[in-house]
Amino acid sequence: MLLAFDVGNTVIAVGVFDGRSLLRSWKVRTDSDKTGDEYGVTFLDLMRVAGLEPAEITAAIVSSVVPPLTPVIEEVCRGFFGRAPLVVGPGLRTGMPILYENPFEVGADRIAAAVAAFETYGGPAIVVDFGTATTFDAISAKGEYLGGAIAPGIRIAAEALTLKTARLPRVEIRKPKRAIGRTTVASMQSGLYFGYIGLVTNTIAEIRGELGGTARVVATGGFGGQVAAELPAIEAFEPDLVLMGLRIIHERNRDAAA
């Protein structure tokens, strides 16, 4: 079985695959102060509660956008599961040409999500990842990673309102009953929610126009499940898209993993 880690700025997504099937996935809060031992015990507990044994893990792969945690998760793979992981980065075959001016600038999670989207839905395609940042990734009809856009995630926007103003409170991010708020909280929720919907809708439209107007749109990320239904342009929501991509990349690097 394959153990896959997607180390993000807010959460670490962990998945266990048996062949092409994702048996279980979990999300653990990202904490750069935690040691490998602390993370290892957490992952072991999650697996055992799910009825999975560490000895069943035969390979591991890691994508990370938090450089200090990359060696920590590598240590977890070796120390707790007895496997040296593949780490998505230079030298690893993804099967997807990266046409960014500097390919090393593209986050490993974005590449993994793009690989999974193209493998599953074909191209051209757009991946919208509703994470700490909201990212838009464009994939050509030939399966090339073309680039994309990066915007603040909705939680970052909400925190900025609270931190940079004297009287605005923290608010729950949810769809308000109406766009015209009658309280400060309702007004903030309206601006955040409907403003965010507008940001995503317009960015998809602009990228789709440059791709030729027929691109399929796939969403992923923690907030995606809440807003995908509000966005007619989004055809599918895949919460484990990055993990799916990691599984595909691992298959394409079997020799390196052996």
Protein backbone atom coordinates (compact mmCIF):
# COMPACT_ATOMS: atom_id res chain seq x y z
CA MET A 1 0.00 0.00 0.00
CA LEU A 2 1.08 3.56 -0.72
CA LEU A 3 1.22 6.28 1.94
CA ALA A 4 0.86 9.80 0.48
CA PHE A 5 1.44 13.12 2.28
CA ASP A 6 0.38 16.54 1.03
CA VAL A 7 1.99 19.06 3.41
CA GLY A 8 0.13 22.36 3.11
CA ASN A 9 0.34 25.64 4.98
CA THR A 10 -2.77 24.94 7.05
CA VAL A 11 -3.25 21.16 7.01
CA ILE A 12 -1.35 18.00 6.12
CA ALA A 13 -3.48 15.65 4.05
CA VAL A 14 -2.59 11.98 4.40
CA GLY A 15 -3.90 9.15 2.26
CA VAL A 16 -3.45 5.39 2.06
CA PHE A 17 -3.87 3.75 -1.35
CA ASP A 18 -4.31 0.09 -2.18
CA GLY A 19 -3.49 0.08 -5.87
CA ARG A 20 -5.59 2.86 -7.37
CA SER A 21 -8.13 2.87 -4.56
CA LEU A 22 -7.91 5.48 -1.82
CA LEU A 23 -8.73 3.47 1.30
CA ARG A 24 -8.68 6.34 3.81
CA SER A 25 -7.61 9.93 4.04
CA TRP A 26 -7.14 12.29 6.96
CA LYS A 27 -6.24 15.91 7.59
CA VAL A 28 -3.93 16.98 10.43
CA ARG A 29 -3.24 20.60 11.32
CA THR A 30 0.15 21.81 10.09
CA ASP A 31 2.48 22.65 12.97
CA SER A 32 6.12 23.37 12.15
CA ASP A 33 7.02 23.02 15.84
CA LYS A 34 6.01 19.37 15.99
CA THR A 35 8.71 16.74 15.86
CA GLY A 36 8.77 13.69 13.61
CA ASP A 37 7.96 11.53 16.64
CA GLU A 38 4.84 13.56 17.39
CA TYR A 39 3.61 13.39 13.82
CA GLY A 40 4.52 9.72 13.57
CA VAL A 41 2.47 8.75 16.61
CA THR A 42 -0.49 10.76 15.28
CA PHE A 43 -0.40 9.04 11.89
CA LEU A 44 0.01 5.59 13.46
CA ASP A 45 -3.01 6.18 15.69
CA LEU A 46 -5.15 7.34 12.74
CA MET A 47 -4.21 4.27 10.73
CA ARG A 48 -4.83 1.80 13.53
CA VAL A 49 -8.25 3.29 14.32
CA ALA A 50 -9.05 2.71 10.63
CA GLY A 51 -7.91 -0.92 10.90
CA LEU A 52 -4.71 -0.40 8.90
CA GLU A 53 -1.29 -1.62 10.02
CA PRO A 54 2.02 0.22 9.40
CA ALA A 55 3.59 -3.01 8.13
CA GLU A 56 1.17 -2.93 5.19
CA ILE A 57 2.80 0.25 3.83
CA THR A 58 5.17 -0.62 0.99
CA ALA A 59 5.94 2.86 -0.41
CA ALA A 60 5.51 6.55 0.39
CA ILE A 61 5.42 9.87 -1.46
CA VAL A 62 5.45 13.46 -0.19
CA SER A 63 4.54 16.83 -1.67
CA SER A 64 5.26 19.84 0.51
CA VAL A 65 4.96 23.62 0.34
CA VAL A 66 6.37 23.99 3.88
CA PRO A 67 10.14 23.43 3.47
CA PRO A 68 10.94 23.03 7.22
CA LEU A 69 8.45 20.16 7.46
CA THR A 70 9.66 18.23 4.42
CA PRO A 71 12.55 16.49 6.24
CA VAL A 72 10.28 15.91 9.25
CA ILE A 73 7.76 13.97 7.15
CA GLU A 74 10.61 12.12 5.43
CA GLU A 75 11.81 11.12 8.90
CA VAL A 76 8.31 9.89 9.76
CA CYS A 77 8.22 7.72 6.63
CA ARG A 78 11.57 6.13 7.39
CA GLY A 79 11.27 5.84 11.16
CA PHE A 80 7.64 4.76 11.54
CA PHE A 81 6.90 3.02 8.25
CA GLY A 82 10.34 1.84 7.16
CA ARG A 83 10.09 3.53 3.75
CA ALA A 84 12.22 6.26 2.19
CA PRO A 85 9.64 8.44 0.43
CA LEU A 86 9.71 9.97 -3.00
CA VAL A 87 9.54 13.77 -2.70
CA VAL A 88 7.84 15.66 -5.51
CA GLY A 89 10.37 18.07 -6.95
CA PRO A 90 13.18 18.38 -9.48
CA GLY A 91 14.19 15.05 -10.98
CA LEU A 92 10.88 13.28 -10.37
CA ARG A 93 8.85 12.34 -13.44
CA THR A 94 5.36 13.81 -13.41
CA GLY A 95 4.42 13.09 -17.04
CA MET A 96 3.35 16.72 -17.37
CA PRO A 97 5.56 19.35 -19.09
CA ILE A 98 5.81 22.48 -16.92
CA LEU A 99 5.70 25.61 -19.08
CA TYR A 100 6.14 28.07 -16.22
CA GLU A 101 9.06 30.45 -16.88
CA ASN A 102 10.74 29.00 -13.79
CA PRO A 103 9.30 25.51 -13.18
CA PHE A 104 10.89 25.39 -9.71
CA GLU A 105 8.48 28.12 -8.56
CA VAL A 106 5.41 25.93 -8.98
CA GLY A 107 4.19 24.31 -5.75
CA ALA A 108 4.36 20.52 -5.68
CA ASP A 109 0.71 20.36 -4.65
CA ARG A 110 -0.34 22.36 -7.72
CA ILE A 111 1.51 19.97 -10.02
CA ALA A 112 0.02 16.91 -8.32
CA ALA A 113 -3.50 18.35 -8.59
CA ALA A 114 -2.96 19.22 -12.26
CA VAL A 115 -1.69 15.69 -13.00
CA ALA A 116 -4.77 14.16 -11.36
CA ALA A 117 -7.19 16.52 -13.10
CA PHE A 118 -5.76 15.80 -16.55
CA GLU A 119 -5.61 12.05 -15.92
CA THR A 120 -9.24 12.02 -14.75
CA TYR A 121 -10.95 14.68 -16.87
CA GLY A 122 -8.62 15.34 -19.79
CA GLY A 123 -7.74 18.78 -21.09
CA PRO A 124 -7.93 21.63 -21.40
CA ALA A 125 -8.74 21.93 -17.73
CA ILE A 126 -8.66 24.37 -14.84
CA VAL A 127 -7.99 23.33 -11.26
CA VAL A 128 -9.24 25.63 -8.52
CA ASP A 129 -7.74 24.83 -5.12
CA PHE A 130 -9.54 26.48 -2.22
CA GLY A 131 -6.71 26.28 0.29
CA THR A 132 -4.85 28.81 2.42
CA ALA A 133 -4.40 30.63 -0.88
CA THR A 134 -6.86 30.12 -3.73
CA THR A 135 -4.94 28.90 -6.75
CA PHE A 136 -6.03 28.47 -10.35
CA ASP A 137 -4.02 26.11 -12.56
CA ALA A 138 -4.41 25.84 -16.32
CA ILE A 139 -3.70 22.59 -18.20
CA SER A 140 -3.61 22.48 -22.00
CA ALA A 141 -5.36 19.97 -24.22
CA LYS A 142 -1.96 18.27 -24.60
CA GLY A 143 -1.55 17.88 -20.84
CA GLU A 144 0.91 20.74 -20.35
CA TYR A 145 0.97 22.80 -17.17
CA LEU A 146 0.62 26.35 -18.49
CA GLY A 147 0.52 28.43 -15.29
CA GLY A 148 -2.33 30.06 -13.48
CA ALA A 149 -3.31 32.59 -10.85
CA ILE A 150 -2.93 32.95 -7.08
CA ALA A 151 -5.32 34.91 -4.86
CA PRO A 152 -5.76 35.17 -1.09
CA GLY A 153 -7.90 32.43 0.38
CA ILE A 154 -11.17 33.52 1.93
CA ARG A 155 -9.90 32.84 5.46
CA ILE A 156 -6.85 35.04 4.84
CA ALA A 157 -9.17 37.80 3.64
CA ALA A 158 -11.34 37.46 6.74
CA GLU A 159 -8.32 37.54 9.05
CA ALA A 160 -6.95 40.62 7.28
CA LEU A 161 -10.21 42.49 7.92
CA THR A 162 -9.96 41.71 11.62
CA LEU A 163 -6.24 42.38 12.00
CA LYS A 164 -6.08 45.57 9.95
CA THR A 165 -9.17 47.33 11.30
CA ALA A 166 -9.93 48.58 14.79
CA ARG A 167 -13.55 47.53 15.16
CA LEU A 168 -14.31 44.63 12.82
CA PRO A 169 -14.71 41.29 14.62
CA ARG A 170 -13.82 37.77 13.59
CA VAL A 171 -16.73 36.18 11.75
CA GLU A 172 -17.82 32.73 10.71
CA ILE A 173 -17.38 32.30 6.98
CA ARG A 174 -20.71 31.22 5.58
CA LYS A 175 -23.30 32.25 3.04
CA PRO A 176 -25.47 35.04 4.49
CA LYS A 177 -29.22 35.17 4.02
CA ARG A 178 -28.99 38.31 1.90
CA ALA A 179 -26.35 40.47 0.24
CA ILE A 180 -27.45 43.62 2.08
CA GLY A 181 -26.21 43.05 5.62
CA ARG A 182 -28.08 44.71 8.48
CA THR A 183 -25.33 44.15 11.04
CA THR A 184 -21.55 44.43 10.93
CA VAL A 185 -21.17 40.65 11.04
CA ALA A 186 -23.74 40.10 8.29
CA SER A 187 -22.14 42.83 6.18
CA MET A 188 -18.71 41.23 6.54
CA GLN A 189 -20.10 37.81 5.67
CA SER A 190 -21.77 39.25 2.58
CA GLY A 191 -18.64 40.99 1.37
CA LEU A 192 -16.45 37.97 2.02
CA TYR A 193 -18.75 35.33 0.59
CA PHE A 194 -20.22 37.07 -2.45
CA GLY A 195 -17.00 38.94 -3.15
CA TYR A 196 -15.13 35.62 -3.11
CA ILE A 197 -17.67 34.02 -5.44
CA GLY A 198 -17.16 36.92 -7.82
CA LEU A 199 -13.37 36.65 -7.65
CA VAL A 200 -13.44 32.93 -8.45
CA THR A 201 -16.10 33.25 -11.18
CA ASN A 202 -14.28 36.05 -12.99
CA THR A 203 -10.86 34.39 -12.76
CA ILE A 204 -12.22 31.12 -14.15
CA ALA A 205 -13.87 33.03 -17.01
CA GLU A 206 -10.64 34.86 -17.90
CA ILE A 207 -8.51 31.69 -17.85
CA ARG A 208 -11.13 29.70 -19.73
CA GLY A 209 -11.20 32.42 -22.40
CA GLU A 210 -7.44 32.13 -22.88
CA LEU A 211 -7.69 28.33 -23.08
CA GLY A 212 -10.29 28.52 -25.81
CA GLY A 213 -13.55 28.45 -23.85
CA THR A 214 -14.00 24.68 -23.45
CA ALA A 215 -11.87 23.94 -20.40
CA ARG A 216 -13.37 21.72 -17.71
CA VAL A 217 -13.13 23.07 -14.17
CA VAL A 218 -12.28 20.87 -11.19
CA ALA A 219 -12.24 22.16 -7.62
CA THR A 220 -10.45 20.89 -4.55
CA GLY A 221 -9.39 22.22 -1.16
CA GLY A 222 -10.99 22.71 2.23
CA PHE A 223 -13.41 25.52 1.35
CA GLY A 224 -14.29 24.10 -2.06
CA GLY A 225 -17.03 21.86 -0.78
CA GLN A 226 -18.86 24.87 0.66
CA VAL A 227 -18.77 27.07 -2.43
CA ALA A 228 -18.57 24.68 -5.40
CA ALA A 229 -22.36 24.44 -5.57
CA GLU A 230 -22.52 28.24 -5.91
CA LEU A 231 -20.28 28.22 -8.98
CA PRO A 232 -21.92 26.79 -12.13
CA ALA A 233 -18.55 26.80 -13.91
CA ILE A 234 -17.22 24.11 -11.56
CA GLU A 235 -18.05 20.67 -12.91
CA ALA A 236 -16.55 18.51 -10.18
CA PHE A 237 -15.31 18.76 -6.61
CA GLU A 238 -12.51 16.33 -5.71
CA PRO A 239 -11.45 16.79 -2.07
CA ASP A 240 -8.53 14.37 -2.47
CA LEU A 241 -7.30 15.61 -5.86
CA VAL A 242 -3.71 16.24 -4.69
CA LEU A 243 -3.47 12.81 -3.08
CA MET A 244 -4.80 11.28 -6.31
CA GLY A 245 -2.07 13.10 -8.21
CA LEU A 246 0.59 11.85 -5.81
CA ARG A 247 -0.53 8.29 -6.44
CA ILE A 248 -0.23 8.82 -10.21
CA ILE A 249 3.22 10.44 -9.89
CA HIS A 250 4.38 7.54 -7.73
CA GLU A 251 3.28 5.08 -10.41
CA ARG A 252 5.32 7.02 -12.97
CA ASN A 253 8.42 6.73 -10.78
CA ARG A 254 8.29 3.07 -9.76
CA ASP A 255 11.94 2.55 -10.63
CA ALA A 256 13.01 5.43 -8.38
CA ALA A 257 10.83 4.11 -5.57
CA ALA A 258 12.19 0.58 -5.75
